[in-house]
Amino acid sequence: MAVNSVRQFVPPTGPTVAVYRLADGYFATDDRCTHGEAELSEGDIEGDEIVCPFHLGKFAIRTGEPTAAPCFAALRCHRVTLAEDGNLYLDWPE
């Protein structure tokens, strides 16, 4: 993944995830905006925030916290590990 990019990941169970690459590492949140039905993986990265493509609300990529209205509820974050073989792994709740 290129720096400052986002991709969608569809796990076998659970919600779809947005995986982000920033200059200092990889991060992941639930892909669905907490305000509407938009997929954040279709949004734009501005600095360390993801901009929702529907109502243009924003979330901090590292913490999932909302940073601009109309978003007020935080996103669930997932830990991402970059393995020595170059694969990314998500810690997934059971």
PDB file of N, CA and C in Angstrom:
ATOM      1  N   MET A   1       0.843  -1.190   0.000  1.00  0.00           N
ATOM      2  CA  MET A   1       0.000   0.000   0.000  1.00  0.00           C
ATOM      3  C   MET A   1       0.881   1.244   0.000  1.00  0.00           C
ATOM      4  N   ALA A   2       0.447   2.223  -0.736  1.00  0.00           N
ATOM      5  CA  ALA A   2       1.165   3.496  -0.765  1.00  0.00           C
ATOM      6  C   ALA A   2       0.901   4.278   0.519  1.00  0.00           C
ATOM      7  N   VAL A   3       1.832   5.122   0.909  1.00  0.00           N
ATOM      8  CA  VAL A   3       1.630   5.996   2.067  1.00  0.00           C
ATOM      9  C   VAL A   3       0.433   6.902   1.785  1.00  0.00           C
ATOM     10  N   ASN A   4      -0.359   7.156   2.818  1.00  0.00           N
ATOM     11  CA  ASN A   4      -1.581   7.965   2.749  1.00  0.00           C
ATOM     12  C   ASN A   4      -2.623   7.348   1.825  1.00  0.00           C
ATOM     13  N   SER A   5      -2.802   6.030   1.988  1.00  0.00           N
ATOM     14  CA  SER A   5      -3.831   5.336   1.221  1.00  0.00           C
ATOM     15  C   SER A   5      -4.703   4.520   2.161  1.00  0.00           C
ATOM     16  N   VAL A   6      -5.865   4.117   1.662  1.00  0.00           N
ATOM     17  CA  VAL A   6      -6.815   3.313   2.427  1.00  0.00           C
ATOM     18  C   VAL A   6      -7.359   2.233   1.508  1.00  0.00           C
ATOM     19  N   ARG A   7      -7.568   1.046   2.088  1.00  0.00           N
ATOM     20  CA  ARG A   7      -8.153  -0.073   1.351  1.00  0.00           C
ATOM     21  C   ARG A   7      -9.184  -0.764   2.218  1.00  0.00           C
ATOM     22  N   GLN A   8     -10.149  -1.363   1.564  1.00  0.00           N
ATOM     23  CA  GLN A   8     -11.184  -2.123   2.255  1.00  0.00           C
ATOM     24  C   GLN A   8     -10.725  -3.569   2.425  1.00  0.00           C
ATOM     25  N   PHE A   9     -11.026  -4.141   3.597  1.00  0.00           N
ATOM     26  CA  PHE A   9     -10.760  -5.542   3.883  1.00  0.00           C
ATOM     27  C   PHE A   9     -12.060  -6.162   4.349  1.00  0.00           C
ATOM     28  N   VAL A  10     -12.436  -7.285   3.732  1.00  0.00           N
ATOM     29  CA  VAL A  10     -13.672  -7.978   4.096  1.00  0.00           C
ATOM     30  C   VAL A  10     -13.290  -9.289   4.782  1.00  0.00           C
ATOM     31  N   PRO A  11     -13.424  -9.345   6.114  1.00  0.00           N
ATOM     32  CA  PRO A  11     -13.074 -10.567   6.842  1.00  0.00           C
ATOM     33  C   PRO A  11     -14.160 -11.628   6.664  1.00  0.00           C
ATOM     34  N   PRO A  12     -13.855 -12.889   6.998  1.00  0.00           N
ATOM     35  CA  PRO A  12     -14.862 -13.942   6.862  1.00  0.00           C
ATOM     36  C   PRO A  12     -16.061 -13.735   7.783  1.00  0.00           C
ATOM     37  N   THR A  13     -15.835 -13.098   8.931  1.00  0.00           N
ATOM     38  CA  THR A  13     -16.932 -12.769   9.847  1.00  0.00           C
ATOM     39  C   THR A  13     -16.713 -11.356  10.361  1.00  0.00           C
ATOM     40  N   GLY A  14     -17.778 -10.727  10.794  1.00  0.00           N
ATOM     41  CA  GLY A  14     -17.666  -9.388  11.368  1.00  0.00           C
ATOM     42  C   GLY A  14     -17.758  -8.302  10.324  1.00  0.00           C
ATOM     43  N   PRO A  15     -17.613  -7.071  10.771  1.00  0.00           N
ATOM     44  CA  PRO A  15     -17.781  -5.931   9.866  1.00  0.00           C
ATOM     45  C   PRO A  15     -16.602  -5.753   8.910  1.00  0.00           C
ATOM     46  N   THR A  16     -16.874  -5.083   7.819  1.00  0.00           N
ATOM     47  CA  THR A  16     -15.833  -4.706   6.870  1.00  0.00           C
ATOM     48  C   THR A  16     -14.903  -3.699   7.539  1.00  0.00           C
ATOM     49  N   VAL A  17     -13.624  -3.765   7.207  1.00  0.00           N
ATOM     50  CA  VAL A  17     -12.603  -2.947   7.853  1.00  0.00           C
ATOM     51  C   VAL A  17     -11.923  -2.055   6.816  1.00  0.00           C
ATOM     52  N   ALA A  18     -11.595  -0.836   7.228  1.00  0.00           N
ATOM     53  CA  ALA A  18     -10.766   0.062   6.422  1.00  0.00           C
ATOM     54  C   ALA A  18      -9.351  -0.014   6.977  1.00  0.00           C
ATOM     55  N   VAL A  19      -8.393  -0.339   6.116  1.00  0.00           N
ATOM     56  CA  VAL A  19      -6.982  -0.411   6.508  1.00  0.00           C
ATOM     57  C   VAL A  19      -6.276   0.785   5.883  1.00  0.00           C
ATOM     58  N   TYR A  20      -5.567   1.536   6.717  1.00  0.00           N
ATOM     59  CA  TYR A  20      -4.907   2.774   6.299  1.00  0.00           C
ATOM     60  C   TYR A  20      -3.398   2.608   6.398  1.00  0.00           C
ATOM     61  N   ARG A  21      -2.690   3.242   5.478  1.00  0.00           N
ATOM     62  CA  ARG A  21      -1.238   3.344   5.624  1.00  0.00           C
ATOM     63  C   ARG A  21      -0.884   4.815   5.701  1.00  0.00           C
ATOM     64  N   LEU A  22      -0.320   5.193   6.841  1.00  0.00           N
ATOM     65  CA  LEU A  22       0.218   6.533   7.027  1.00  0.00           C
ATOM     66  C   LEU A  22       1.738   6.425   7.035  1.00  0.00           C
ATOM     67  N   ALA A  23       2.422   7.543   7.102  1.00  0.00           N
ATOM     68  CA  ALA A  23       3.886   7.543   7.064  1.00  0.00           C
ATOM     69  C   ALA A  23       4.493   6.744   8.213  1.00  0.00           C
ATOM     70  N   ASP A  24       3.801   6.691   9.359  1.00  0.00           N
ATOM     71  CA  ASP A  24       4.361   6.009  10.527  1.00  0.00           C
ATOM     72  C   ASP A  24       3.772   4.628  10.783  1.00  0.00           C
ATOM     73  N   GLY A  25       3.024   4.073   9.837  1.00  0.00           N
ATOM     74  CA  GLY A  25       2.540   2.711  10.031  1.00  0.00           C
ATOM     75  C   GLY A  25       1.166   2.455   9.459  1.00  0.00           C
ATOM     76  N   TYR A  26       0.646   1.281   9.824  1.00  0.00           N
ATOM     77  CA  TYR A  26      -0.660   0.816   9.363  1.00  0.00           C
ATOM     78  C   TYR A  26      -1.658   0.896  10.510  1.00  0.00           C
ATOM     79  N   PHE A  27      -2.904   1.214  10.165  1.00  0.00           N
ATOM     80  CA  PHE A  27      -3.972   1.352  11.144  1.00  0.00           C
ATOM     81  C   PHE A  27      -5.242   0.780  10.529  1.00  0.00           C
ATOM     82  N   ALA A  28      -6.219   0.423  11.369  1.00  0.00           N
ATOM     83  CA  ALA A  28      -7.475  -0.109  10.847  1.00  0.00           C
ATOM     84  C   ALA A  28      -8.629   0.301  11.742  1.00  0.00           C
ATOM     85  N   THR A  29      -9.769   0.574  11.102  1.00  0.00           N
ATOM     86  CA  THR A  29     -11.015   0.876  11.805  1.00  0.00           C
ATOM     87  C   THR A  29     -12.136   0.121  11.102  1.00  0.00           C
ATOM     88  N   ASP A  30     -13.292   0.047  11.753  1.00  0.00           N
ATOM     89  CA  ASP A  30     -14.468  -0.412  11.023  1.00  0.00           C
ATOM     90  C   ASP A  30     -14.632   0.496   9.816  1.00  0.00           C
ATOM     91  N   ASP A  31     -15.101  -0.059   8.712  1.00  0.00           N
ATOM     92  CA  ASP A  31     -15.196   0.703   7.466  1.00  0.00           C
ATOM     93  C   ASP A  31     -16.440   1.586   7.415  1.00  0.00           C
ATOM     94  N   ARG A  32     -17.461   1.249   8.169  1.00  0.00           N
ATOM     95  CA  ARG A  32     -18.734   1.960   8.101  1.00  0.00           C
ATOM     96  C   ARG A  32     -18.703   3.214   8.965  1.00  0.00           C
ATOM     97  N   CYS A  33     -19.047   4.349   8.381  1.00  0.00           N
ATOM     98  CA  CYS A  33     -19.146   5.602   9.133  1.00  0.00           C
ATOM     99  C   CYS A  33     -20.187   5.446  10.233  1.00  0.00           C
ATOM    100  N   THR A  34     -19.919   5.988  11.406  1.00  0.00           N
ATOM    101  CA  THR A  34     -20.865   5.888  12.519  1.00  0.00           C
ATOM    102  C   THR A  34     -22.055   6.826  12.357  1.00  0.00           C
ATOM    103  N   HIS A  35     -21.986   7.742  11.406  1.00  0.00           N
ATOM    104  CA  HIS A  35     -23.078   8.684  11.172  1.00  0.00           C
ATOM    105  C   HIS A  35     -24.042   8.193  10.102  1.00  0.00           C
ATOM    106  N   GLY A  36     -23.535   7.539   9.079  1.00  0.00           N
ATOM    107  CA  GLY A  36     -24.382   7.110   7.970  1.00  0.00           C
ATOM    108  C   GLY A  36     -23.942   5.777   7.423  1.00  0.00           C
ATOM    109  N   GLU A  37     -24.356   5.490   6.232  1.00  0.00           N
ATOM    110  CA  GLU A  37     -24.077   4.197   5.615  1.00  0.00           C
ATOM    111  C   GLU A  37     -22.870   4.225   4.681  1.00  0.00           C
ATOM    112  N   ALA A  38     -22.032   5.217   4.773  1.00  0.00           N
ATOM    113  CA  ALA A  38     -20.893   5.351   3.860  1.00  0.00           C
ATOM    114  C   ALA A  38     -19.745   4.429   4.255  1.00  0.00           C
ATOM    115  N   GLU A  39     -18.988   3.986   3.261  1.00  0.00           N
ATOM    116  CA  GLU A  39     -17.778   3.211   3.485  1.00  0.00           C
ATOM    117  C   GLU A  39     -16.592   4.169   3.519  1.00  0.00           C
ATOM    118  N   LEU A  40     -15.905   4.193   4.653  1.00  0.00           N
ATOM    119  CA  LEU A  40     -14.781   5.116   4.808  1.00  0.00           C
ATOM    120  C   LEU A  40     -13.628   4.782   3.868  1.00  0.00           C
ATOM    121  N   SER A  41     -13.541   3.539   3.432  1.00  0.00           N
ATOM    122  CA  SER A  41     -12.482   3.169   2.484  1.00  0.00           C
ATOM    123  C   SER A  41     -12.664   3.860   1.132  1.00  0.00           C
ATOM    124  N   GLU A  42     -13.810   4.483   0.923  1.00  0.00           N
ATOM    125  CA  GLU A  42     -14.055   5.273  -0.290  1.00  0.00           C
ATOM    126  C   GLU A  42     -13.747   6.755  -0.064  1.00  0.00           C
ATOM    127  N   GLY A  43     -13.357   7.103   1.168  1.00  0.00           N
ATOM    128  CA  GLY A  43     -13.079   8.498   1.512  1.00  0.00           C
ATOM    129  C   GLY A  43     -11.647   8.895   1.209  1.00  0.00           C
ATOM    130  N   ASP A  44     -11.339  10.130   1.541  1.00  0.00           N
ATOM    131  CA  ASP A  44     -10.005  10.689   1.321  1.00  0.00           C
ATOM    132  C   ASP A  44      -9.277  10.853   2.649  1.00  0.00           C
ATOM    133  N   ILE A  45      -7.972  10.650   2.618  1.00  0.00           N
ATOM    134  CA  ILE A  45      -7.137  10.898   3.790  1.00  0.00           C
ATOM    135  C   ILE A  45      -6.638  12.333   3.718  1.00  0.00           C
ATOM    136  N   GLU A  46      -6.840  13.055   4.827  1.00  0.00           N
ATOM    137  CA  GLU A  46      -6.313  14.418   4.977  1.00  0.00           C
ATOM    138  C   GLU A  46      -5.467  14.436   6.240  1.00  0.00           C
ATOM    139  N   GLY A  47      -4.169  14.472   6.080  1.00  0.00           N
ATOM    140  CA  GLY A  47      -3.281  14.411   7.245  1.00  0.00           C
ATOM    141  C   GLY A  47      -3.413  13.060   7.915  1.00  0.00           C
ATOM    142  N   ASP A  48      -3.855  13.050   9.181  1.00  0.00           N
ATOM    143  CA  ASP A  48      -4.068  11.785   9.883  1.00  0.00           C
ATOM    144  C   ASP A  48      -5.551  11.525  10.125  1.00  0.00           C
ATOM    145  N   GLU A  49      -6.397  12.066   9.239  1.00  0.00           N
ATOM    146  CA  GLU A  49      -7.845  11.884   9.339  1.00  0.00           C
ATOM    147  C   GLU A  49      -8.392  11.258   8.058  1.00  0.00           C
ATOM    148  N   ILE A  50      -9.491  10.505   8.215  1.00  0.00           N
ATOM    149  CA  ILE A  50     -10.228  10.002   7.061  1.00  0.00           C
ATOM    150  C   ILE A  50     -11.500  10.835   6.939  1.00  0.00           C
ATOM    151  N   VAL A  51     -11.794  11.271   5.724  1.00  0.00           N
ATOM    152  CA  VAL A  51     -12.973  12.086   5.449  1.00  0.00           C
ATOM    153  C   VAL A  51     -14.053  11.173   4.890  1.00  0.00           C
ATOM    154  N   CYS A  52     -15.205  11.156   5.549  1.00  0.00           N
ATOM    155  CA  CYS A  52     -16.329  10.347   5.079  1.00  0.00           C
ATOM    156  C   CYS A  52     -16.809  10.891   3.731  1.00  0.00           C
ATOM    157  N   PRO A  53     -17.003  10.020   2.738  1.00  0.00           N
ATOM    158  CA  PRO A  53     -17.411  10.499   1.416  1.00  0.00           C
ATOM    159  C   PRO A  53     -18.872  10.931   1.346  1.00  0.00           C
ATOM    160  N   PHE A  54     -19.667  10.660   2.381  1.00  0.00           N
ATOM    161  CA  PHE A  54     -21.095  10.970   2.332  1.00  0.00           C
ATOM    162  C   PHE A  54     -21.400  12.377   2.837  1.00  0.00           C
ATOM    163  N   HIS A  55     -21.131  12.644   4.111  1.00  0.00           N
ATOM    164  CA  HIS A  55     -21.425  13.965   4.688  1.00  0.00           C
ATOM    165  C   HIS A  55     -20.169  14.757   5.033  1.00  0.00           C
ATOM    166  N   LEU A  56     -18.996  14.246   4.676  1.00  0.00           N
ATOM    167  CA  LEU A  56     -17.710  14.926   4.877  1.00  0.00           C
ATOM    168  C   LEU A  56     -17.303  15.072   6.339  1.00  0.00           C
ATOM    169  N   GLY A  57     -17.874  14.247   7.212  1.00  0.00           N
ATOM    170  CA  GLY A  57     -17.391  14.184   8.584  1.00  0.00           C
ATOM    171  C   GLY A  57     -15.992  13.579   8.585  1.00  0.00           C
ATOM    172  N   LYS A  58     -15.284  13.715   9.700  1.00  0.00           N
ATOM    173  CA  LYS A  58     -13.904  13.229   9.767  1.00  0.00           C
ATOM    174  C   LYS A  58     -13.671  12.432  11.043  1.00  0.00           C
ATOM    175  N   PHE A  59     -12.701  11.503  10.934  1.00  0.00           N
ATOM    176  CA  PHE A  59     -12.277  10.694  12.070  1.00  0.00           C
ATOM    177  C   PHE A  59     -10.757  10.663  12.124  1.00  0.00           C
ATOM    178  N   ALA A  60     -10.208  10.644  13.343  1.00  0.00           N
ATOM    179  CA  ALA A  60      -8.771  10.435  13.527  1.00  0.00           C
ATOM    180  C   ALA A  60      -8.473   8.970  13.216  1.00  0.00           C
ATOM    181  N   ILE A  61      -7.584   8.720  12.284  1.00  0.00           N
ATOM    182  CA  ILE A  61      -7.288   7.355  11.852  1.00  0.00           C
ATOM    183  C   ILE A  61      -6.684   6.531  12.984  1.00  0.00           C
ATOM    184  N   ARG A  62      -5.803   7.100  13.786  1.00  0.00           N
ATOM    185  CA  ARG A  62      -5.116   6.343  14.841  1.00  0.00           C
ATOM    186  C   ARG A  62      -6.025   5.957  16.002  1.00  0.00           C
ATOM    187  N   THR A  63      -7.026   6.787  16.303  1.00  0.00           N
ATOM    188  CA  THR A  63      -7.859   6.554  17.488  1.00  0.00           C
ATOM    189  C   THR A  63      -9.315   6.250  17.180  1.00  0.00           C
ATOM    190  N   GLY A  64      -9.776   6.572  15.974  1.00  0.00           N
ATOM    191  CA  GLY A  64     -11.179   6.395  15.624  1.00  0.00           C
ATOM    192  C   GLY A  64     -12.085   7.499  16.126  1.00  0.00           C
ATOM    193  N   GLU A  65     -11.521   8.472  16.844  1.00  0.00           N
ATOM    194  CA  GLU A  65     -12.334   9.553  17.403  1.00  0.00           C
ATOM    195  C   GLU A  65     -12.846  10.480  16.299  1.00  0.00           C
ATOM    196  N   PRO A  66     -14.111  10.916  16.402  1.00  0.00           N
ATOM    197  CA  PRO A  66     -14.634  11.869  15.423  1.00  0.00           C
ATOM    198  C   PRO A  66     -13.964  13.226  15.607  1.00  0.00           C
ATOM    199  N   THR A  67     -13.651  13.890  14.496  1.00  0.00           N
ATOM    200  CA  THR A  67     -12.980  15.188  14.563  1.00  0.00           C
ATOM    201  C   THR A  67     -13.755  16.284  13.854  1.00  0.00           C
ATOM    202  N   ALA A  68     -14.827  15.937  13.142  1.00  0.00           N
ATOM    203  CA  ALA A  68     -15.647  16.944  12.460  1.00  0.00           C
ATOM    204  C   ALA A  68     -17.070  16.423  12.322  1.00  0.00           C
ATOM    205  N   ALA A  69     -18.029  17.323  12.556  1.00  0.00           N
ATOM    206  CA  ALA A  69     -19.446  16.993  12.408  1.00  0.00           C
ATOM    207  C   ALA A  69     -19.732  16.667  10.945  1.00  0.00           C
ATOM    208  N   PRO A  70     -20.726  15.857  10.706  1.00  0.00           N
ATOM    209  CA  PRO A  70     -21.767  15.425  11.631  1.00  0.00           C
ATOM    210  C   PRO A  70     -21.448  14.154  12.407  1.00  0.00           C
ATOM    211  N   CYS A  71     -20.217  13.714  12.429  1.00  0.00           N
ATOM    212  CA  CYS A  71     -19.846  12.482  13.125  1.00  0.00           C
ATOM    213  C   CYS A  71     -19.580  12.779  14.601  1.00  0.00           C
ATOM    214  N   PHE A  72     -20.234  12.001  15.480  1.00  0.00           N
ATOM    215  CA  PHE A  72     -20.063  12.207  16.917  1.00  0.00           C
ATOM    216  C   PHE A  72     -19.673  10.935  17.665  1.00  0.00           C
ATOM    217  N   ALA A  73     -19.905   9.763  17.072  1.00  0.00           N
ATOM    218  CA  ALA A  73     -19.549   8.494  17.710  1.00  0.00           C
ATOM    219  C   ALA A  73     -18.237   7.989  17.115  1.00  0.00           C
ATOM    220  N   ALA A  74     -17.393   7.442  17.971  1.00  0.00           N
ATOM    221  CA  ALA A  74     -16.078   6.954  17.531  1.00  0.00           C
ATOM    222  C   ALA A  74     -16.192   5.658  16.735  1.00  0.00           C
ATOM    223  N   LEU A  75     -15.206   5.423  15.901  1.00  0.00           N
ATOM    224  CA  LEU A  75     -15.068   4.170  15.175  1.00  0.00           C
ATOM    225  C   LEU A  75     -14.356   3.150  16.054  1.00  0.00           C
ATOM    226  N   ARG A  76     -14.654   1.880  15.854  1.00  0.00           N
ATOM    227  CA  ARG A  76     -13.896   0.825  16.527  1.00  0.00           C
ATOM    228  C   ARG A  76     -12.585   0.637  15.772  1.00  0.00           C
ATOM    229  N   CYS A  77     -11.484   0.605  16.510  1.00  0.00           N
ATOM    230  CA  CYS A  77     -10.156   0.425  15.918  1.00  0.00           C
ATOM    231  C   CYS A  77      -9.708  -1.025  16.069  1.00  0.00           C
ATOM    232  N   HIS A  78      -8.847  -1.459  15.155  1.00  0.00           N
ATOM    233  CA  HIS A  78      -8.293  -2.811  15.166  1.00  0.00           C
ATOM    234  C   HIS A  78      -6.776  -2.703  15.061  1.00  0.00           C
ATOM    235  N   ARG A  79      -6.077  -3.514  15.831  1.00  0.00           N
ATOM    236  CA  ARG A  79      -4.615  -3.506  15.786  1.00  0.00           C
ATOM    237  C   ARG A  79      -4.142  -4.185  14.502  1.00  0.00           C
ATOM    238  N   VAL A  80      -3.156  -3.578  13.857  1.00  0.00           N
ATOM    239  CA  VAL A  80      -2.575  -4.112  12.625  1.00  0.00           C
ATOM    240  C   VAL A  80      -1.107  -4.430  12.888  1.00  0.00           C
ATOM    241  N   THR A  81      -0.682  -5.599  12.446  1.00  0.00           N
ATOM    242  CA  THR A  81       0.715  -6.000  12.567  1.00  0.00           C
ATOM    243  C   THR A  81       1.277  -6.255  11.175  1.00  0.00           C
ATOM    244  N   LEU A  82       2.430  -5.664  10.892  1.00  0.00           N
ATOM    245  CA  LEU A  82       3.144  -5.925   9.649  1.00  0.00           C
ATOM    246  C   LEU A  82       4.179  -7.008   9.932  1.00  0.00           C
ATOM    247  N   ALA A  83       3.989  -8.175   9.330  1.00  0.00           N
ATOM    248  CA  ALA A  83       4.894  -9.302   9.553  1.00  0.00           C
ATOM    249  C   ALA A  83       6.166  -9.146   8.724  1.00  0.00           C
ATOM    250  N   GLU A  84       7.189  -9.893   9.103  1.00  0.00           N
ATOM    251  CA  GLU A  84       8.462  -9.850   8.379  1.00  0.00           C
ATOM    252  C   GLU A  84       8.308 -10.252   6.921  1.00  0.00           C
ATOM    253  N   ASP A  85       7.286 -11.083   6.624  1.00  0.00           N
ATOM    254  CA  ASP A  85       7.068 -11.522   5.243  1.00  0.00           C
ATOM    255  C   ASP A  85       6.307 -10.488   4.411  1.00  0.00           C
ATOM    256  N   GLY A  86       5.973  -9.334   5.033  1.00  0.00           N
ATOM    257  CA  GLY A  86       5.283  -8.265   4.316  1.00  0.00           C
ATOM    258  C   GLY A  86       3.773  -8.321   4.397  1.00  0.00           C
ATOM    259  N   ASN A  87       3.218  -9.382   4.994  1.00  0.00           N
ATOM    260  CA  ASN A  87       1.767  -9.482   5.141  1.00  0.00           C
ATOM    261  C   ASN A  87       1.282  -8.656   6.322  1.00  0.00           C
ATOM    262  N   LEU A  88       0.067  -8.143   6.189  1.00  0.00           N
ATOM    263  CA  LEU A  88      -0.584  -7.427   7.283  1.00  0.00           C
ATOM    264  C   LEU A  88      -1.538  -8.373   7.988  1.00  0.00           C
ATOM    265  N   TYR A  89      -1.575  -8.278   9.318  1.00  0.00           N
ATOM    266  CA  TYR A  89      -2.481  -9.096  10.109  1.00  0.00           C
ATOM    267  C   TYR A  89      -3.286  -8.194  11.027  1.00  0.00           C
ATOM    268  N   LEU A  90      -4.588  -8.485  11.126  1.00  0.00           N
ATOM    269  CA  LEU A  90      -5.478  -7.742  12.015  1.00  0.00           C
ATOM    270  C   LEU A  90      -5.754  -8.578  13.245  1.00  0.00           C
ATOM    271  N   ASP A  91      -5.700  -7.965  14.432  1.00  0.00           N
ATOM    272  CA  ASP A  91      -6.182  -8.616  15.645  1.00  0.00           C
ATOM    273  C   ASP A  91      -7.692  -8.501  15.605  1.00  0.00           C
ATOM    274  N   TRP A  92      -8.358  -9.632  15.623  1.00  0.00           N
ATOM    275  CA  TRP A  92      -9.800  -9.652  15.424  1.00  0.00           C
ATOM    276  C   TRP A  92     -10.488 -10.173  16.671  1.00  0.00           C
ATOM    277  N   PRO A  93     -11.523  -9.464  17.166  1.00  0.00           N
ATOM    278  CA  PRO A  93     -12.246  -9.959  18.342  1.00  0.00           C
ATOM    279  C   PRO A  93     -12.995 -11.243  17.999  1.00  0.00           C
ATOM    280  N   GLU A  94     -13.058 -12.129  18.966  1.00  0.00           N
ATOM    281  CA  GLU A  94     -13.775 -13.397  18.733  1.00  0.00           C
ATOM    282  C   GLU A  94     -15.250 -13.228  18.961  1.00  0.00           C
TER     283      GLU A  94
END
